C-alpha cells in the first residue's frame, strides 16, 4: 500500500509517495510522468518516511545540504535502478553528464560502451526527483536538458545548490522545454 502527502516548496507543489519500504515518489505538480508508479489503491496518509522526506525537503529548500537521506524504494527496471544509484552519488552542488553516467554503467556491466540516450531515458523516468538528483545531470556540451519538472525548476535547484551556472545554456530544442 502506498501513502501520499503534499508538500509546498518554493518551486511549487510536490506530491510525495511512500510504502513500507521507503519513499517511492517525489513529483512536482504537473511534471512529466507525474505519479506514474503510484498504485491505484494509494491513499493520503502518514508513514514515518513521509515525515523524514518532508524534513529533508525543508532543509534542502532552506539552502543547506541535508545530512541524512530517508529510506528510498526505487521502482523500475534493473537498468533504471543502476542509473538512479549513480545519480544518488552525485554530490550536492556538483553536476555530471549523461555520457559520464553511460561510461560508468558500461564499466559496471563489462561493456565497451553504453548509449547516453538510454541513460537519458532512465534519468528522465526517475520517480524520486531531488532526493535522487536527476537535476544534476547536464549535456556534455553544457546544455540544461532532460528534466521532467521543467527547465525552470532544474535551473532553480542548481542555483539553490550554488552551482556555477555560467558554463550551462538552455537548448533551443529538446526534452527540457
N, C-alpha and C. Protein backbone atom coordinates (compact mmCIF):
# COMPACT_ATOMS: atom_id res chain seq x y z
N UNK A 1 0.85 -1.19 0.00
CA UNK A 1 0.00 0.00 0.00
C UNK A 1 0.89 1.24 0.00
N UNK A 2 0.57 2.17 -0.89
CA UNK A 2 1.29 3.43 -0.92
C UNK A 2 0.45 4.52 -0.26
N UNK A 3 1.15 5.41 0.40
CA UNK A 3 0.53 6.57 1.04
C UNK A 3 1.15 7.82 0.45
N UNK A 4 0.36 8.88 0.38
CA UNK A 4 0.85 10.12 -0.21
C UNK A 4 0.63 11.29 0.74
N UNK A 5 1.39 12.32 0.49
CA UNK A 5 1.19 13.60 1.16
C UNK A 5 1.66 14.68 0.21
N UNK A 6 1.21 15.89 0.43
CA UNK A 6 1.61 17.02 -0.40
C UNK A 6 2.56 17.92 0.38
N UNK A 7 3.48 18.52 -0.36
CA UNK A 7 4.47 19.42 0.22
C UNK A 7 4.49 20.68 -0.63
N UNK A 8 4.45 21.83 0.01
CA UNK A 8 4.54 23.10 -0.71
C UNK A 8 5.97 23.58 -0.66
N UNK A 9 6.63 23.57 -1.81
CA UNK A 9 8.02 24.03 -1.90
C UNK A 9 8.03 25.44 -2.47
N UNK A 10 9.17 26.12 -2.39
CA UNK A 10 9.28 27.43 -3.03
C UNK A 10 9.12 27.37 -4.55
N UNK A 11 9.23 26.17 -5.12
CA UNK A 11 9.11 25.99 -6.57
C UNK A 11 7.74 25.45 -6.97
N UNK A 12 6.85 25.27 -6.01
CA UNK A 12 5.52 24.76 -6.31
C UNK A 12 5.22 23.49 -5.55
N UNK A 13 4.02 22.99 -5.74
CA UNK A 13 3.57 21.81 -5.03
C UNK A 13 4.32 20.55 -5.44
N UNK A 14 4.49 19.68 -4.46
CA UNK A 14 5.17 18.39 -4.65
C UNK A 14 4.30 17.30 -4.04
N UNK A 15 4.14 16.20 -4.79
CA UNK A 15 3.47 15.02 -4.27
C UNK A 15 4.54 14.03 -3.83
N UNK A 16 4.46 13.57 -2.59
CA UNK A 16 5.35 12.55 -2.05
C UNK A 16 4.55 11.26 -1.91
N UNK A 17 5.18 10.13 -2.24
CA UNK A 17 4.55 8.82 -2.09
C UNK A 17 5.53 7.87 -1.42
N UNK A 18 5.00 6.96 -0.62
CA UNK A 18 5.86 6.00 0.08
C UNK A 18 5.07 4.73 0.36
N UNK A 19 5.83 3.65 0.56
CA UNK A 19 5.26 2.41 1.05
C UNK A 19 6.06 1.99 2.27
N UNK A 20 5.85 0.77 2.73
CA UNK A 20 6.52 0.32 3.96
C UNK A 20 8.03 0.20 3.80
N UNK A 21 8.54 0.16 2.55
CA UNK A 21 9.98 0.05 2.31
C UNK A 21 10.68 1.40 2.25
N UNK A 22 9.97 2.44 1.80
CA UNK A 22 10.60 3.75 1.68
C UNK A 22 9.85 4.66 0.73
N UNK A 23 10.46 5.79 0.46
CA UNK A 23 9.89 6.78 -0.45
C UNK A 23 9.88 6.20 -1.86
N UNK A 24 8.71 6.23 -2.51
CA UNK A 24 8.57 5.68 -3.86
C UNK A 24 8.42 6.76 -4.92
N UNK A 25 8.11 7.97 -4.51
CA UNK A 25 7.92 9.02 -5.49
C UNK A 25 8.01 10.40 -4.90
N UNK A 26 8.51 11.31 -5.72
CA UNK A 26 8.54 12.74 -5.40
C UNK A 26 8.41 13.46 -6.74
N UNK A 27 7.24 14.05 -6.98
CA UNK A 27 6.96 14.68 -8.26
C UNK A 27 6.47 16.11 -8.04
N UNK A 28 7.00 17.04 -8.84
CA UNK A 28 6.42 18.38 -8.88
C UNK A 28 5.05 18.27 -9.54
N UNK A 29 4.10 19.07 -9.08
CA UNK A 29 2.78 19.10 -9.70
C UNK A 29 2.94 19.33 -11.20
N UNK A 30 2.21 18.58 -11.99
CA UNK A 30 2.14 18.69 -13.45
C UNK A 30 3.44 18.37 -14.17
N UNK A 31 4.39 17.71 -13.52
CA UNK A 31 5.62 17.37 -14.23
C UNK A 31 5.39 16.17 -15.15
N UNK A 32 6.31 15.98 -16.06
CA UNK A 32 6.26 14.83 -16.98
C UNK A 32 6.32 13.55 -16.14
N UNK A 33 5.54 12.57 -16.52
CA UNK A 33 5.45 11.27 -15.83
C UNK A 33 4.95 11.41 -14.38
N UNK A 34 4.14 12.41 -14.12
CA UNK A 34 3.62 12.67 -12.78
C UNK A 34 2.94 11.42 -12.21
N UNK A 35 3.40 10.99 -11.05
CA UNK A 35 2.80 9.90 -10.28
C UNK A 35 2.67 8.60 -11.08
N UNK A 36 3.60 8.34 -12.00
CA UNK A 36 3.43 7.19 -12.90
C UNK A 36 3.49 5.84 -12.19
N UNK A 37 4.19 5.74 -11.09
CA UNK A 37 4.26 4.46 -10.37
C UNK A 37 3.37 4.44 -9.12
N UNK A 38 2.46 5.37 -9.03
CA UNK A 38 1.55 5.41 -7.90
C UNK A 38 0.46 4.35 -8.09
N UNK A 39 0.28 3.50 -7.10
CA UNK A 39 -0.71 2.43 -7.21
C UNK A 39 -2.13 3.01 -7.15
N UNK A 40 -3.05 2.32 -7.79
CA UNK A 40 -4.43 2.81 -7.85
C UNK A 40 -5.10 2.80 -6.47
N UNK A 41 -4.62 1.96 -5.55
CA UNK A 41 -5.23 1.90 -4.22
C UNK A 41 -4.51 2.77 -3.19
N UNK A 42 -3.67 3.71 -3.66
CA UNK A 42 -2.96 4.58 -2.72
C UNK A 42 -3.95 5.46 -1.97
N UNK A 43 -3.50 5.97 -0.85
CA UNK A 43 -4.35 6.90 -0.11
C UNK A 43 -3.50 7.94 0.60
N UNK A 44 -4.10 9.08 0.81
CA UNK A 44 -3.45 10.13 1.57
C UNK A 44 -3.27 9.59 2.99
N UNK A 45 -2.09 9.74 3.53
CA UNK A 45 -1.88 9.20 4.87
C UNK A 45 -0.50 9.48 5.39
N UNK A 46 -0.19 8.81 6.46
CA UNK A 46 1.04 9.05 7.19
C UNK A 46 1.90 7.80 7.24
N UNK A 47 3.15 7.98 6.95
CA UNK A 47 4.20 7.00 7.23
C UNK A 47 5.39 7.79 7.73
N UNK A 48 6.18 7.25 8.65
CA UNK A 48 7.35 7.99 9.14
C UNK A 48 8.28 8.47 8.02
N UNK A 49 8.41 7.69 6.95
CA UNK A 49 9.30 8.09 5.85
C UNK A 49 8.80 9.37 5.18
N UNK A 50 7.51 9.59 5.15
CA UNK A 50 6.99 10.82 4.56
C UNK A 50 7.37 12.02 5.42
N UNK A 51 7.34 11.84 6.72
CA UNK A 51 7.77 12.90 7.64
C UNK A 51 9.27 13.18 7.47
N UNK A 52 10.07 12.11 7.32
CA UNK A 52 11.52 12.27 7.09
C UNK A 52 11.78 13.01 5.78
N UNK A 53 11.03 12.65 4.74
CA UNK A 53 11.22 13.29 3.44
C UNK A 53 10.84 14.77 3.51
N UNK A 54 9.79 15.09 4.23
CA UNK A 54 9.39 16.49 4.42
C UNK A 54 10.47 17.26 5.16
N UNK A 55 11.04 16.67 6.18
CA UNK A 55 12.13 17.33 6.93
C UNK A 55 13.34 17.52 6.02
N UNK A 56 13.66 16.52 5.20
CA UNK A 56 14.78 16.61 4.25
C UNK A 56 14.54 17.79 3.30
N UNK A 57 13.32 17.88 2.76
CA UNK A 57 12.99 18.97 1.83
C UNK A 57 13.05 20.34 2.50
N UNK A 58 12.60 20.42 3.75
CA UNK A 58 12.69 21.69 4.49
C UNK A 58 14.15 22.17 4.57
N UNK A 59 15.05 21.26 4.91
CA UNK A 59 16.47 21.60 5.00
C UNK A 59 17.01 21.98 3.63
N UNK A 60 16.70 21.18 2.61
CA UNK A 60 17.18 21.41 1.26
C UNK A 60 16.72 22.78 0.74
N UNK A 61 15.44 23.08 0.86
CA UNK A 61 14.92 24.33 0.33
C UNK A 61 15.33 25.54 1.17
N UNK A 62 15.90 25.29 2.35
CA UNK A 62 16.49 26.38 3.15
C UNK A 62 17.91 26.68 2.66
N UNK A 63 18.37 25.95 1.64
CA UNK A 63 19.68 26.20 1.05
C UNK A 63 20.82 25.45 1.71
N UNK A 64 20.48 24.40 2.45
CA UNK A 64 21.52 23.61 3.12
C UNK A 64 21.47 22.17 2.61
N UNK A 65 22.61 21.51 2.66
CA UNK A 65 22.67 20.10 2.26
C UNK A 65 22.22 19.23 3.43
N UNK A 66 21.14 18.46 3.26
CA UNK A 66 20.72 17.56 4.35
C UNK A 66 21.80 16.53 4.65
N UNK A 67 21.94 16.17 5.92
CA UNK A 67 22.97 15.20 6.31
C UNK A 67 22.39 13.80 6.52
N UNK A 68 21.23 13.55 5.96
CA UNK A 68 20.59 12.24 6.04
C UNK A 68 19.77 12.04 4.78
N UNK A 69 19.37 10.82 4.53
CA UNK A 69 18.51 10.50 3.40
C UNK A 69 17.43 9.54 3.90
N UNK A 70 16.17 9.87 3.67
CA UNK A 70 15.12 8.93 4.06
C UNK A 70 15.28 7.63 3.28
N UNK A 71 14.75 6.53 3.78
CA UNK A 71 14.79 5.29 3.01
C UNK A 71 14.08 5.48 1.66
N UNK A 72 14.71 4.96 0.62
CA UNK A 72 14.15 5.06 -0.73
C UNK A 72 13.77 3.67 -1.23
N UNK A 73 12.66 3.59 -1.95
CA UNK A 73 12.24 2.35 -2.59
C UNK A 73 12.11 2.64 -4.08
N UNK A 74 13.19 2.41 -4.81
CA UNK A 74 13.21 2.67 -6.25
C UNK A 74 12.45 1.56 -6.97
N UNK A 75 11.49 1.97 -7.79
CA UNK A 75 10.68 1.02 -8.54
C UNK A 75 10.97 1.23 -10.03
N UNK A 76 11.63 0.26 -10.65
CA UNK A 76 11.97 0.38 -12.06
C UNK A 76 12.68 -0.86 -12.53
N UNK A 77 13.17 -0.80 -13.76
CA UNK A 77 13.93 -1.92 -14.31
C UNK A 77 15.32 -1.96 -13.66
N UNK A 78 16.03 -3.07 -13.83
CA UNK A 78 17.40 -3.17 -13.31
C UNK A 78 18.27 -2.05 -13.88
N UNK A 79 18.11 -1.78 -15.17
CA UNK A 79 18.90 -0.72 -15.80
C UNK A 79 18.58 0.64 -15.17
N UNK A 80 17.30 0.97 -15.04
CA UNK A 80 16.91 2.24 -14.44
C UNK A 80 17.48 2.38 -13.03
N UNK A 81 17.33 1.34 -12.24
CA UNK A 81 17.81 1.39 -10.86
C UNK A 81 19.31 1.58 -10.81
N UNK A 82 20.05 0.94 -11.73
CA UNK A 82 21.51 1.13 -11.74
C UNK A 82 21.85 2.58 -12.09
N UNK A 83 21.11 3.20 -12.99
CA UNK A 83 21.33 4.62 -13.31
C UNK A 83 20.98 5.48 -12.10
N UNK A 84 19.85 5.22 -11.47
CA UNK A 84 19.42 6.03 -10.33
C UNK A 84 20.39 5.93 -9.16
N UNK A 85 21.01 4.77 -8.98
CA UNK A 85 22.02 4.64 -7.92
C UNK A 85 23.23 5.51 -8.22
N UNK A 86 23.61 5.62 -9.48
CA UNK A 86 24.70 6.52 -9.86
C UNK A 86 24.28 7.97 -9.61
N UNK A 87 23.06 8.32 -9.97
CA UNK A 87 22.56 9.67 -9.71
C UNK A 87 22.68 10.01 -8.23
N UNK A 88 22.37 9.04 -7.39
CA UNK A 88 22.39 9.25 -5.94
C UNK A 88 23.79 9.57 -5.42
N UNK A 89 24.80 9.28 -6.20
CA UNK A 89 26.18 9.53 -5.78
C UNK A 89 26.72 10.88 -6.24
N UNK A 90 25.93 11.63 -7.03
CA UNK A 90 26.39 12.95 -7.48
C UNK A 90 26.33 13.89 -6.28
N UNK A 91 27.46 14.47 -5.90
CA UNK A 91 27.47 15.33 -4.71
C UNK A 91 26.61 16.59 -4.86
N UNK A 92 26.10 17.03 -3.76
CA UNK A 92 25.36 18.29 -3.66
C UNK A 92 26.21 19.41 -4.27
N UNK A 93 25.62 20.22 -5.13
CA UNK A 93 26.33 21.34 -5.71
C UNK A 93 27.24 20.99 -6.87
N UNK A 94 27.20 19.74 -7.33
CA UNK A 94 28.03 19.29 -8.46
C UNK A 94 27.12 18.79 -9.57
N UNK A 95 27.68 18.68 -10.76
CA UNK A 95 26.94 18.12 -11.88
C UNK A 95 27.77 17.04 -12.56
N UNK A 96 27.10 16.24 -13.36
CA UNK A 96 27.77 15.26 -14.21
C UNK A 96 27.02 15.23 -15.53
N UNK A 97 27.50 14.43 -16.46
CA UNK A 97 26.88 14.36 -17.78
C UNK A 97 26.25 12.99 -18.02
N UNK A 98 25.37 12.96 -18.99
CA UNK A 98 24.77 11.69 -19.40
C UNK A 98 25.87 10.75 -19.91
N UNK A 99 26.85 11.30 -20.61
CA UNK A 99 27.95 10.49 -21.13
C UNK A 99 28.78 9.87 -20.02
N UNK A 100 29.04 10.63 -18.96
CA UNK A 100 29.81 10.10 -17.83
C UNK A 100 29.06 8.96 -17.15
N UNK A 101 27.75 9.11 -17.01
CA UNK A 101 26.95 8.04 -16.42
C UNK A 101 26.95 6.83 -17.34
N UNK A 102 26.86 7.04 -18.64
CA UNK A 102 26.89 5.93 -19.61
C UNK A 102 28.21 5.17 -19.49
N UNK A 103 29.32 5.90 -19.35
CA UNK A 103 30.62 5.22 -19.20
C UNK A 103 30.67 4.42 -17.90
N UNK A 104 30.10 4.94 -16.84
CA UNK A 104 30.06 4.23 -15.55
C UNK A 104 29.23 2.95 -15.66
N UNK A 105 28.07 3.04 -16.29
CA UNK A 105 27.21 1.85 -16.48
C UNK A 105 27.93 0.82 -17.33
N UNK A 106 28.57 1.26 -18.42
CA UNK A 106 29.31 0.33 -19.29
C UNK A 106 30.39 -0.38 -18.49
N UNK A 107 31.11 0.37 -17.68
CA UNK A 107 32.17 -0.22 -16.85
C UNK A 107 31.59 -1.25 -15.87
N UNK A 108 30.50 -0.89 -15.21
CA UNK A 108 29.87 -1.81 -14.25
C UNK A 108 29.42 -3.10 -14.92
N UNK A 109 28.99 -3.01 -16.16
CA UNK A 109 28.43 -4.17 -16.86
C UNK A 109 29.44 -4.86 -17.77
N UNK A 110 30.68 -4.38 -17.77
CA UNK A 110 31.70 -5.00 -18.59
C UNK A 110 31.48 -4.81 -20.08
N UNK A 111 30.91 -3.67 -20.46
CA UNK A 111 30.62 -3.37 -21.85
C UNK A 111 31.64 -2.37 -22.40
N UNK A 112 31.82 -2.38 -23.71
CA UNK A 112 32.69 -1.39 -24.36
C UNK A 112 32.11 0.01 -24.22
N UNK A 113 30.79 0.10 -24.43
CA UNK A 113 30.14 1.39 -24.35
C UNK A 113 28.67 1.22 -24.01
N UNK A 114 28.06 2.32 -23.62
CA UNK A 114 26.64 2.36 -23.30
C UNK A 114 26.09 3.65 -23.91
N UNK A 115 24.89 3.61 -24.39
CA UNK A 115 24.25 4.76 -25.01
C UNK A 115 23.90 5.83 -23.97
N UNK A 116 24.36 7.06 -24.21
CA UNK A 116 23.98 8.18 -23.35
C UNK A 116 22.48 8.45 -23.46
N UNK A 117 21.89 8.15 -24.63
CA UNK A 117 20.46 8.33 -24.80
C UNK A 117 19.67 7.36 -23.93
N UNK A 118 20.16 6.11 -23.83
CA UNK A 118 19.50 5.14 -22.94
C UNK A 118 19.57 5.61 -21.50
N UNK A 119 20.72 6.14 -21.12
CA UNK A 119 20.89 6.71 -19.77
C UNK A 119 19.90 7.86 -19.59
N UNK A 120 19.80 8.72 -20.60
CA UNK A 120 18.87 9.85 -20.53
C UNK A 120 17.44 9.40 -20.31
N UNK A 121 17.05 8.30 -20.96
CA UNK A 121 15.71 7.77 -20.75
C UNK A 121 15.49 7.33 -19.31
N UNK A 122 16.48 6.68 -18.73
CA UNK A 122 16.37 6.24 -17.34
C UNK A 122 16.36 7.44 -16.39
N UNK A 123 17.22 8.41 -16.66
CA UNK A 123 17.26 9.62 -15.83
C UNK A 123 15.90 10.30 -15.87
N UNK A 124 15.32 10.41 -17.05
CA UNK A 124 14.04 11.08 -17.22
C UNK A 124 12.87 10.39 -16.55
N UNK A 125 13.02 9.10 -16.27
CA UNK A 125 11.94 8.35 -15.62
C UNK A 125 12.18 8.17 -14.12
N UNK A 126 13.10 8.92 -13.56
CA UNK A 126 13.36 8.89 -12.11
C UNK A 126 12.12 9.38 -11.38
N UNK A 127 11.54 8.55 -10.54
CA UNK A 127 10.33 8.92 -9.80
C UNK A 127 10.61 9.65 -8.50
N UNK A 128 11.84 9.69 -8.06
CA UNK A 128 12.14 10.31 -6.76
C UNK A 128 13.06 11.50 -7.01
N UNK A 129 12.51 12.50 -7.71
CA UNK A 129 13.35 13.63 -8.06
C UNK A 129 13.81 14.38 -6.81
N UNK A 130 14.80 15.17 -6.97
CA UNK A 130 15.51 15.96 -5.96
C UNK A 130 16.33 15.05 -5.05
N UNK A 131 15.70 14.10 -4.35
CA UNK A 131 16.47 13.20 -3.48
C UNK A 131 17.37 12.29 -4.30
N UNK A 132 16.89 11.80 -5.43
CA UNK A 132 17.75 11.16 -6.43
C UNK A 132 17.95 12.26 -7.47
N UNK A 133 19.09 12.95 -7.40
CA UNK A 133 19.24 14.26 -8.04
C UNK A 133 19.45 14.25 -9.55
N UNK A 134 18.41 13.93 -10.29
CA UNK A 134 18.49 13.95 -11.74
C UNK A 134 18.69 15.36 -12.28
N UNK A 135 18.37 16.38 -11.48
CA UNK A 135 18.59 17.76 -11.92
C UNK A 135 20.08 18.09 -12.04
N UNK A 136 20.95 17.26 -11.49
CA UNK A 136 22.40 17.49 -11.55
C UNK A 136 23.05 16.90 -12.80
N UNK A 137 22.24 16.37 -13.72
CA UNK A 137 22.77 15.78 -14.95
C UNK A 137 22.56 16.77 -16.09
N UNK A 138 23.63 17.05 -16.82
CA UNK A 138 23.59 18.00 -17.93
C UNK A 138 24.18 17.35 -19.18
N UNK A 139 23.96 17.99 -20.31
CA UNK A 139 24.55 17.51 -21.54
C UNK A 139 26.05 17.75 -21.54
N UNK A 140 26.78 16.92 -22.28
CA UNK A 140 28.24 17.04 -22.36
C UNK A 140 28.66 18.43 -22.83
N UNK A 141 27.84 19.04 -23.67
CA UNK A 141 28.16 20.37 -24.19
C UNK A 141 27.70 21.50 -23.27
N UNK A 142 27.17 21.17 -22.09
CA UNK A 142 26.71 22.18 -21.14
C UNK A 142 25.24 22.52 -21.26
N UNK A 143 24.50 21.78 -22.09
CA UNK A 143 23.07 22.07 -22.23
C UNK A 143 22.30 21.57 -21.01
N UNK A 144 21.36 22.38 -20.59
CA UNK A 144 20.48 22.02 -19.48
C UNK A 144 19.27 21.32 -20.09
N UNK A 145 19.33 20.03 -20.14
CA UNK A 145 18.30 19.28 -20.84
C UNK A 145 17.86 18.09 -19.99
N UNK A 146 16.66 17.61 -20.26
CA UNK A 146 16.22 16.35 -19.69
C UNK A 146 15.68 16.37 -18.28
N UNK A 147 14.98 17.43 -17.86
CA UNK A 147 14.40 17.43 -16.51
C UNK A 147 12.88 17.43 -16.61
N UNK A 148 12.27 16.37 -16.09
CA UNK A 148 10.82 16.20 -16.17
C UNK A 148 10.04 17.30 -15.48
N UNK A 149 10.63 17.93 -14.46
CA UNK A 149 9.96 19.01 -13.75
C UNK A 149 9.97 20.32 -14.51
N UNK A 150 10.76 20.38 -15.58
CA UNK A 150 10.86 21.60 -16.39
C UNK A 150 12.19 22.30 -16.19
N UNK A 151 12.62 22.99 -17.22
CA UNK A 151 13.92 23.65 -17.21
C UNK A 151 14.00 24.71 -16.11
N UNK A 152 12.89 25.40 -15.84
CA UNK A 152 12.91 26.44 -14.81
C UNK A 152 13.22 25.85 -13.43
N UNK A 153 12.66 24.69 -13.15
CA UNK A 153 12.91 24.06 -11.85
C UNK A 153 14.34 23.49 -11.78
N UNK A 154 14.83 22.95 -12.89
CA UNK A 154 16.20 22.44 -12.92
C UNK A 154 17.18 23.58 -12.60
N UNK A 155 16.99 24.70 -13.25
CA UNK A 155 17.85 25.86 -13.02
C UNK A 155 17.75 26.32 -11.56
N UNK A 156 16.54 26.40 -11.04
CA UNK A 156 16.34 26.85 -9.66
C UNK A 156 17.02 25.90 -8.67
N UNK A 157 16.92 24.59 -8.90
CA UNK A 157 17.55 23.63 -8.00
C UNK A 157 19.07 23.74 -8.05
N UNK A 158 19.62 23.89 -9.24
CA UNK A 158 21.08 24.04 -9.37
C UNK A 158 21.55 25.34 -8.71
N UNK A 159 20.79 26.40 -8.88
CA UNK A 159 21.15 27.68 -8.23
C UNK A 159 21.05 27.57 -6.72
N UNK A 160 20.04 26.87 -6.24
CA UNK A 160 19.89 26.66 -4.79
C UNK A 160 21.13 25.98 -4.22
N UNK A 161 21.70 25.05 -5.00
CA UNK A 161 22.90 24.33 -4.57
C UNK A 161 24.18 25.11 -4.90
N UNK A 162 24.01 26.33 -5.40
CA UNK A 162 25.12 27.24 -5.72
C UNK A 162 26.07 26.69 -6.78
N UNK A 163 25.49 26.00 -7.76
CA UNK A 163 26.25 25.53 -8.91
C UNK A 163 26.58 26.73 -9.79
N UNK A 164 27.80 26.80 -10.30
CA UNK A 164 28.21 27.85 -11.23
C UNK A 164 27.45 27.64 -12.54
N UNK A 165 26.53 28.53 -12.83
CA UNK A 165 25.65 28.37 -13.99
C UNK A 165 26.23 28.99 -15.26
N UNK A 166 27.39 29.62 -15.17
CA UNK A 166 27.94 30.31 -16.35
C UNK A 166 28.36 29.35 -17.46
N UNK A 167 28.59 28.09 -17.13
CA UNK A 167 29.04 27.14 -18.15
C UNK A 167 27.88 26.38 -18.82
N UNK A 168 26.65 26.71 -18.44
CA UNK A 168 25.49 26.00 -18.97
C UNK A 168 24.63 26.91 -19.83
N UNK A 169 23.83 26.28 -20.72
CA UNK A 169 22.91 27.04 -21.54
C UNK A 169 21.60 26.26 -21.71
N UNK A 170 20.56 27.00 -22.05
CA UNK A 170 19.26 26.38 -22.31
C UNK A 170 19.19 26.08 -23.80
N UNK A 171 18.94 24.82 -24.17
CA UNK A 171 18.86 24.49 -25.60
C UNK A 171 17.60 25.10 -26.23
N UNK A 172 17.69 25.38 -27.51
CA UNK A 172 16.52 25.92 -28.23
C UNK A 172 15.48 24.84 -28.49
N UNK A 173 15.93 23.57 -28.59
CA UNK A 173 15.03 22.43 -28.76
C UNK A 173 15.48 21.38 -27.78
N UNK A 174 14.58 20.50 -27.39
CA UNK A 174 14.99 19.38 -26.55
C UNK A 174 13.95 19.00 -25.52
N UNK A 175 14.32 18.05 -24.69
CA UNK A 175 13.39 17.47 -23.72
C UNK A 175 13.17 18.36 -22.53
N UNK A 176 14.02 19.37 -22.30
CA UNK A 176 13.87 20.21 -21.13
C UNK A 176 12.81 21.28 -21.31
N UNK A 177 12.38 21.51 -22.52
CA UNK A 177 11.48 22.64 -22.79
C UNK A 177 10.03 22.26 -22.74
